[in-house]
Structures are given as structure tokens and as C-alpha cells.
């Protein structure tokens, strides 16, 4: 039933993921910031910033459904980042998990991230989120709603979201597809890519 709630357009799925509980290998956190991503030019939500824009390949095929799967990739070849796949089977759409508030397993998250990291910063930023929750590249394709999955997602009540442009993308840079829970200290700062057009000159 939960996966069905994500079988929708990326922006609606992103809204539904805010406030959801994500549990990974001894750590539980509430998702407080996400970014929606569409798909190829011939799909319902063309998105030049999406990894799926050029169509399915060996690494990104999971982005083409079904909903409720984990899509992982490395940012700059270093940090593991995680998306929750949305839309329907055969149609690309995903939501990047940008930040979360650790609610249980604090000691485990600190051991993974470093004991000097402040609690609010443990899962702030996509790479830090995956590090804190123990999400790895090998988790690509996991069903986050499966009972025995090591990474599990539980959707909750919908929250009112603040919105703005996505962080660090050079294409479709003005699209207000970044959503977050206002007032949460775990939310990351907005940084526009230096390769993006001037504000107002992108979609």
C-alpha cells in the first residue's frame, strides 16, 4: 500500500516523503529535506538534471520503476547518495533524500559520521544521510517497503513543505523541486551550481 502512494509524479512523491521514517542498520531518522527528479525528454516529466534523462542504462535502470525501490549513486565518485523511486513501472521518476533528523541509534550514527559531528548535522546532506544510516552502493534496487529489507521506509502524515530550487544542479536549475520542513536545523543550505545559468534563465 505504501509503495502505491509513491506511484505518482515526482513532486507529489517528494511531498509524501517529507516526515517519513527511514530506518537503516540500527539508525532511524525522519526525512526533512528532499528533491524531486523527473525523467527523459519523451516522458511525462522531462528533466535534464535527472540521471534518467538519457534513458535507461545498466546503472540507472532502477529509476524506471517500480516505485519504492532505492536508487543509489556516488556523488563526485565519493559520497553515496540515495533516491526513492516513484512514478510507475517503465516511467522514470525519483526523489533524492537530502537530509534527515536522527531519532534513534544516535551512537551508531555518531560512530559512522564521527563523534564530533553535531546531532543536527549527522544526516544533513545526501552523502551524510547515507553515511549515518549505513546506506551503501550495494543497496541499489532494494525494496524499502519489504519486511526484511535492511533499509525500510514508513510513510506518515503529510506535512506542509517549503519549496525552492534544487541544490547544485546546472540544468533545470530554477525548478522549485526541492522541498523541506521549515525551521528544522537539519535542513541543508541552498547552494546554486556555479555552472548553472543566471537565476531566471533556466526552467
C-alpha atoms as a PDB file:
ATOM      1  CA  UNK A   1       0.000   0.000   0.000  1.00  0.00           C
ATOM      2  CA  UNK A   2       2.812   2.418   0.838  1.00  0.00           C
ATOM      3  CA  UNK A   3       4.554   1.896  -2.499  1.00  0.00           C
ATOM      4  CA  UNK A   4       1.282   2.726  -4.222  1.00  0.00           C
ATOM      5  CA  UNK A   5       1.326   6.153  -2.569  1.00  0.00           C
ATOM      6  CA  UNK A   6       4.601   6.838  -4.373  1.00  0.00           C
ATOM      7  CA  UNK A   7       3.300   5.666  -7.754  1.00  0.00           C
ATOM      8  CA  UNK A   8       2.721   9.259  -8.763  1.00  0.00           C
ATOM      9  CA  UNK A   9       4.575  12.264 -10.168  1.00  0.00           C
ATOM     10  CA  UNK A  10       7.939  13.117  -8.544  1.00  0.00           C
ATOM     11  CA  UNK A  11       6.796  16.322  -6.857  1.00  0.00           C
ATOM     12  CA  UNK A  12       3.794  14.647  -5.206  1.00  0.00           C
ATOM     13  CA  UNK A  13       6.021  11.749  -4.142  1.00  0.00           C
ATOM     14  CA  UNK A  14       8.524  14.202  -2.676  1.00  0.00           C
ATOM     15  CA  UNK A  15       5.762  15.830  -0.639  1.00  0.00           C
ATOM     16  CA  UNK A  16       4.683  12.424   0.675  1.00  0.00           C
ATOM     17  CA  UNK A  17       8.236  11.534   1.713  1.00  0.00           C
ATOM     18  CA  UNK A  18       8.676  14.582   3.942  1.00  0.00           C
ATOM     19  CA  UNK A  19       8.256  13.489   7.546  1.00  0.00           C
ATOM     20  CA  UNK A  20       8.567   9.808   6.656  1.00  0.00           C
ATOM     21  CA  UNK A  21      10.668   7.495   8.828  1.00  0.00           C
ATOM     22  CA  UNK A  22      13.764   5.928   7.296  1.00  0.00           C
ATOM     23  CA  UNK A  23      15.474   3.105   9.169  1.00  0.00           C
ATOM     24  CA  UNK A  24      18.859   1.774   8.167  1.00  0.00           C
ATOM     25  CA  UNK A  25      21.087  -0.658  10.028  1.00  0.00           C
ATOM     26  CA  UNK A  26      20.445   0.474  13.591  1.00  0.00           C
ATOM     27  CA  UNK A  27      19.579   4.117  12.916  1.00  0.00           C
ATOM     28  CA  UNK A  28      16.121   5.649  12.498  1.00  0.00           C
ATOM     29  CA  UNK A  29      15.610   9.158  11.112  1.00  0.00           C
ATOM     30  CA  UNK A  30      12.834  11.453   9.938  1.00  0.00           C
ATOM     31  CA  UNK A  31      13.216  12.793   6.387  1.00  0.00           C
ATOM     32  CA  UNK A  32      13.223  16.609   6.469  1.00  0.00           C
ATOM     33  CA  UNK A  33      14.517  17.579   3.008  1.00  0.00           C
ATOM     34  CA  UNK A  34      14.101  16.051  -0.452  1.00  0.00           C
ATOM     35  CA  UNK A  35      14.474  16.880  -4.151  1.00  0.00           C
ATOM     36  CA  UNK A  36      12.233  15.609  -6.938  1.00  0.00           C
ATOM     37  CA  UNK A  37      13.652  14.418 -10.269  1.00  0.00           C
ATOM     38  CA  UNK A  38      11.826  13.532 -13.467  1.00  0.00           C
ATOM     39  CA  UNK A  39      12.995  11.558 -16.483  1.00  0.00           C
ATOM     40  CA  UNK A  40      13.727  11.531 -20.218  1.00  0.00           C
ATOM     41  CA  UNK A  41      12.625  14.170 -22.700  1.00  0.00           C
ATOM     42  CA  UNK A  42       9.920  11.876 -24.088  1.00  0.00           C
ATOM     43  CA  UNK A  43       8.489  11.083 -20.632  1.00  0.00           C
ATOM     44  CA  UNK A  44       5.771  12.871 -18.659  1.00  0.00           C
ATOM     45  CA  UNK A  45       8.263  14.923 -16.594  1.00  0.00           C
ATOM     46  CA  UNK A  46      11.273  15.849 -18.771  1.00  0.00           C
ATOM     47  CA  UNK A  47      14.178  16.754 -16.504  1.00  0.00           C
ATOM     48  CA  UNK A  48      17.656  17.452 -17.871  1.00  0.00           C
ATOM     49  CA  UNK A  49      19.081  17.289 -14.335  1.00  0.00           C
ATOM     50  CA  UNK A  50      17.892  13.708 -13.767  1.00  0.00           C
ATOM     51  CA  UNK A  51      20.199  10.702 -14.114  1.00  0.00           C
ATOM     52  CA  UNK A  52      17.430   9.086 -16.169  1.00  0.00           C
ATOM     53  CA  UNK A  53      17.264  11.889 -18.751  1.00  0.00           C
ATOM     54  CA  UNK A  54      19.139   9.949 -21.435  1.00  0.00           C
ATOM     55  CA  UNK A  55      17.094   6.808 -20.886  1.00  0.00           C
ATOM     56  CA  UNK A  56      17.709   3.558 -19.015  1.00  0.00           C
ATOM     57  CA  UNK A  57      21.189   2.086 -18.680  1.00  0.00           C
ATOM     58  CA  UNK A  58      22.978  -0.510 -16.540  1.00  0.00           C
ATOM     59  CA  UNK A  59      23.252   1.798 -13.509  1.00  0.00           C
ATOM     60  CA  UNK A  60      20.058   3.846 -13.619  1.00  0.00           C
ATOM     61  CA  UNK A  61      17.567   1.194 -14.755  1.00  0.00           C
ATOM     62  CA  UNK A  62      16.065   1.042 -11.255  1.00  0.00           C
ATOM     63  CA  UNK A  63      14.860   4.642 -11.746  1.00  0.00           C
ATOM     64  CA  UNK A  64      12.349   3.349 -14.275  1.00  0.00           C
ATOM     65  CA  UNK A  65      10.303   1.567 -11.617  1.00  0.00           C
ATOM     66  CA  UNK A  66       8.604   0.085  -9.859  1.00  0.00           C
ATOM     67  CA  UNK A  67       8.054   2.646  -7.093  1.00  0.00           C
ATOM     68  CA  UNK A  68       9.512   2.062  -3.663  1.00  0.00           C
ATOM     69  CA  UNK A  69      12.972   0.960  -4.780  1.00  0.00           C
ATOM     70  CA  UNK A  70      16.225   2.531  -3.667  1.00  0.00           C
ATOM     71  CA  UNK A  71      18.438   4.125  -6.324  1.00  0.00           C
ATOM     72  CA  UNK A  72      21.972   4.785  -5.104  1.00  0.00           C
ATOM     73  CA  UNK A  73      24.840   6.569  -6.823  1.00  0.00           C
ATOM     74  CA  UNK A  74      28.161   8.206  -5.963  1.00  0.00           C
ATOM     75  CA  UNK A  75      28.420  11.989  -5.948  1.00  0.00           C
ATOM     76  CA  UNK A  76      31.785  13.141  -7.330  1.00  0.00           C
ATOM     77  CA  UNK A  77      32.813   9.495  -7.180  1.00  0.00           C
ATOM     78  CA  UNK A  78      32.992   9.628  -3.386  1.00  0.00           C
ATOM     79  CA  UNK A  79      29.754  10.078  -1.430  1.00  0.00           C
ATOM     80  CA  UNK A  80      26.896   7.589  -1.681  1.00  0.00           C
ATOM     81  CA  UNK A  81      23.530   9.280  -2.256  1.00  0.00           C
ATOM     82  CA  UNK A  82      20.090   7.651  -2.174  1.00  0.00           C
ATOM     83  CA  UNK A  83      16.823   8.229  -4.024  1.00  0.00           C
ATOM     84  CA  UNK A  84      13.405   6.677  -3.563  1.00  0.00           C
ATOM     85  CA  UNK A  85      11.972   5.670  -6.941  1.00  0.00           C
ATOM     86  CA  UNK A  86       8.444   6.906  -7.663  1.00  0.00           C
ATOM     87  CA  UNK A  87       6.087   7.009 -10.684  1.00  0.00           C
ATOM     88  CA  UNK A  88       5.081   3.713 -12.321  1.00  0.00           C
ATOM     89  CA  UNK A  89       6.934   0.756 -13.771  1.00  0.00           C
ATOM     90  CA  UNK A  90       8.610   1.846 -17.000  1.00  0.00           C
ATOM     91  CA  UNK A  91       8.328   5.574 -16.244  1.00  0.00           C
ATOM     92  CA  UNK A  92      11.312   7.319 -14.656  1.00  0.00           C
ATOM     93  CA  UNK A  93      10.943   9.393 -11.507  1.00  0.00           C
ATOM     94  CA  UNK A  94      12.813   9.593  -8.217  1.00  0.00           C
ATOM     95  CA  UNK A  95      13.190  11.635  -5.058  1.00  0.00           C
ATOM     96  CA  UNK A  96      16.647  12.392  -3.677  1.00  0.00           C
ATOM     97  CA  UNK A  97      16.889  12.141   0.118  1.00  0.00           C
ATOM     98  CA  UNK A  98      18.747  15.321   1.078  1.00  0.00           C
ATOM     99  CA  UNK A  99      18.533  15.485   4.871  1.00  0.00           C
ATOM    100  CA  UNK A 100      17.063  13.691   7.868  1.00  0.00           C
ATOM    101  CA  UNK A 101      16.816  14.120  11.629  1.00  0.00           C
ATOM    102  CA  UNK A 102      18.247  11.160  13.546  1.00  0.00           C
ATOM    103  CA  UNK A 103      15.695   9.986  16.102  1.00  0.00           C
ATOM    104  CA  UNK A 104      17.112   6.645  17.264  1.00  0.00           C
ATOM    105  CA  UNK A 105      20.505   4.976  17.091  1.00  0.00           C
ATOM    106  CA  UNK A 106      22.397   8.193  17.779  1.00  0.00           C
ATOM    107  CA  UNK A 107      25.526   6.382  18.996  1.00  0.00           C
ATOM    108  CA  UNK A 108      25.616   4.277  15.845  1.00  0.00           C
ATOM    109  CA  UNK A 109      25.217   7.348  13.634  1.00  0.00           C
ATOM    110  CA  UNK A 110      27.979   9.128  15.550  1.00  0.00           C
ATOM    111  CA  UNK A 111      30.284   6.128  15.136  1.00  0.00           C
ATOM    112  CA  UNK A 112      29.722   6.253  11.388  1.00  0.00           C
ATOM    113  CA  UNK A 113      29.992  10.021  10.992  1.00  0.00           C
ATOM    114  CA  UNK A 114      32.423  10.965  13.772  1.00  0.00           C
ATOM    115  CA  UNK A 115      31.878  11.727  17.437  1.00  0.00           C
ATOM    116  CA  UNK A 116      32.459  15.463  16.997  1.00  0.00           C
ATOM    117  CA  UNK A 117      29.620  15.888  14.479  1.00  0.00           C
ATOM    118  CA  UNK A 118      26.682  17.787  15.942  1.00  0.00           C
ATOM    119  CA  UNK A 119      23.403  15.802  16.045  1.00  0.00           C
ATOM    120  CA  UNK A 120      21.666  18.218  13.666  1.00  0.00           C
ATOM    121  CA  UNK A 121      24.428  17.689  11.093  1.00  0.00           C
ATOM    122  CA  UNK A 122      24.598  13.887  11.258  1.00  0.00           C
ATOM    123  CA  UNK A 123      22.322  13.331   8.247  1.00  0.00           C
ATOM    124  CA  UNK A 124      22.412  16.807   6.681  1.00  0.00           C
ATOM    125  CA  UNK A 125      23.248  16.455   3.005  1.00  0.00           C
ATOM    126  CA  UNK A 126      22.692  13.368   0.820  1.00  0.00           C
ATOM    127  CA  UNK A 127      26.113  11.825   1.433  1.00  0.00           C
ATOM    128  CA  UNK A 128      25.974  12.346   5.183  1.00  0.00           C
ATOM    129  CA  UNK A 129      22.463  10.891   5.304  1.00  0.00           C
ATOM    130  CA  UNK A 130      23.627   7.666   3.669  1.00  0.00           C
ATOM    131  CA  UNK A 131      26.707   7.508   5.869  1.00  0.00           C
ATOM    132  CA  UNK A 132      24.685   7.949   9.067  1.00  0.00           C
ATOM    133  CA  UNK A 133      22.168   5.275   8.094  1.00  0.00           C
ATOM    134  CA  UNK A 134      24.692   2.842   6.664  1.00  0.00           C
ATOM    135  CA  UNK A 135      23.338   3.004   3.104  1.00  0.00           C
ATOM    136  CA  UNK A 136      25.846   1.707   0.531  1.00  0.00           C
ATOM    137  CA  UNK A 137      26.070   1.287  -3.231  1.00  0.00           C
ATOM    138  CA  UNK A 138      25.146  -2.361  -2.786  1.00  0.00           C
ATOM    139  CA  UNK A 139      21.687  -1.236  -1.622  1.00  0.00           C
ATOM    140  CA  UNK A 140      20.777  -0.132  -5.148  1.00  0.00           C
ATOM    141  CA  UNK A 141      17.427  -1.669  -6.117  1.00  0.00           C
ATOM    142  CA  UNK A 142      16.307  -2.550  -2.578  1.00  0.00           C
ATOM    143  CA  UNK A 143      12.573  -2.548  -1.914  1.00  0.00           C
ATOM    144  CA  UNK A 144      12.300  -0.146   1.047  1.00  0.00           C
ATOM    145  CA  UNK A 145       8.822  -1.450   1.889  1.00  0.00           C
ATOM    146  CA  UNK A 146       9.865  -5.115   2.076  1.00  0.00           C
ATOM    147  CA  UNK A 147       9.581  -6.574   5.570  1.00  0.00           C
ATOM    148  CA  UNK A 148      13.152  -7.888   5.658  1.00  0.00           C
ATOM    149  CA  UNK A 149      14.843  -5.048   3.815  1.00  0.00           C
ATOM    150  CA  UNK A 150      17.885  -3.602   5.671  1.00  0.00           C
ATOM    151  CA  UNK A 151      16.669  -0.124   4.641  1.00  0.00           C
ATOM    152  CA  UNK A 152      13.000   0.475   5.422  1.00  0.00           C
ATOM    153  CA  UNK A 153      10.693   3.416   4.804  1.00  0.00           C
ATOM    154  CA  UNK A 154       7.489   4.190   6.676  1.00  0.00           C
ATOM    155  CA  UNK A 155       5.276   6.942   5.326  1.00  0.00           C
ATOM    156  CA  UNK A 156       3.399   9.129   7.798  1.00  0.00           C
ATOM    157  CA  UNK A 157       1.099  12.113   7.735  1.00  0.00           C
ATOM    158  CA  UNK A 158       1.781  14.706   5.063  1.00  0.00           C
ATOM    159  CA  UNK A 159       3.486  17.921   6.139  1.00  0.00           C
ATOM    160  CA  UNK A 160       3.367  21.460   4.822  1.00  0.00           C
ATOM    161  CA  UNK A 161       6.542  21.976   2.813  1.00  0.00           C
ATOM    162  CA  UNK A 162       8.708  24.939   1.969  1.00  0.00           C
ATOM    163  CA  UNK A 163       9.969  24.861  -1.611  1.00  0.00           C
ATOM    164  CA  UNK A 164      12.772  26.243  -3.720  1.00  0.00           C
ATOM    165  CA  UNK A 165      15.276  25.408  -6.462  1.00  0.00           C
ATOM    166  CA  UNK A 166      17.339  22.245  -6.265  1.00  0.00           C
ATOM    167  CA  UNK A 167      20.890  22.332  -4.900  1.00  0.00           C
ATOM    168  CA  UNK A 168      23.960  22.118  -7.106  1.00  0.00           C
ATOM    169  CA  UNK A 169      22.331  21.237 -10.438  1.00  0.00           C
ATOM    170  CA  UNK A 170      23.487  23.017 -13.583  1.00  0.00           C
ATOM    171  CA  UNK A 171      20.409  22.153 -15.676  1.00  0.00           C
ATOM    172  CA  UNK A 172      16.770  22.867 -14.822  1.00  0.00           C
ATOM    173  CA  UNK A 173      18.301  24.900 -12.020  1.00  0.00           C
ATOM    174  CA  UNK A 174      15.325  27.159 -11.288  1.00  0.00           C
ATOM    175  CA  UNK A 175      12.765  24.385 -10.956  1.00  0.00           C
ATOM    176  CA  UNK A 176      11.331  24.599  -7.397  1.00  0.00           C
ATOM    177  CA  UNK A 177      11.570  20.860  -6.802  1.00  0.00           C
ATOM    178  CA  UNK A 178      13.452  20.975  -3.519  1.00  0.00           C
ATOM    179  CA  UNK A 179      11.092  20.581  -0.563  1.00  0.00           C
ATOM    180  CA  UNK A 180      11.880  20.818   3.134  1.00  0.00           C
ATOM    181  CA  UNK A 181      10.318  21.193   6.553  1.00  0.00           C
ATOM    182  CA  UNK A 182      10.749  24.830   7.546  1.00  0.00           C
ATOM    183  CA  UNK A 183      12.506  25.519  10.835  1.00  0.00           C
ATOM    184  CA  UNK A 184      14.325  22.185  11.018  1.00  0.00           C
ATOM    185  CA  UNK A 185      18.036  22.652  11.845  1.00  0.00           C
ATOM    186  CA  UNK A 186      18.920  19.518   9.874  1.00  0.00           C
ATOM    187  CA  UNK A 187      17.961  21.095   6.522  1.00  0.00           C
ATOM    188  CA  UNK A 188      20.951  21.937   4.314  1.00  0.00           C
ATOM    189  CA  UNK A 189      21.825  25.366   2.946  1.00  0.00           C
ATOM    190  CA  UNK A 190      20.958  26.255  -0.640  1.00  0.00           C
ATOM    191  CA  UNK A 191      23.951  26.371  -2.948  1.00  0.00           C
ATOM    192  CA  UNK A 192      23.493  27.133  -6.627  1.00  0.00           C
ATOM    193  CA  UNK A 193      25.839  25.409  -9.038  1.00  0.00           C
ATOM    194  CA  UNK A 194      28.442  27.804 -10.491  1.00  0.00           C
ATOM    195  CA  UNK A 195      27.769  26.088 -13.841  1.00  0.00           C
ATOM    196  CA  UNK A 196      24.048  26.942 -13.762  1.00  0.00           C
ATOM    197  CA  UNK A 197      22.651  29.841 -15.821  1.00  0.00           C
ATOM    198  CA  UNK A 198      21.812  33.042 -14.016  1.00  0.00           C
ATOM    199  CA  UNK A 199      18.633  32.821 -11.909  1.00  0.00           C
ATOM    200  CA  UNK A 200      15.588  33.105 -14.126  1.00  0.00           C
ATOM    201  CA  UNK A 201      17.374  31.775 -17.217  1.00  0.00           C
ATOM    202  CA  UNK A 202      16.694  28.099 -16.542  1.00  0.00           C
ATOM    203  CA  UNK A 203      13.478  26.122 -16.141  1.00  0.00           C
END
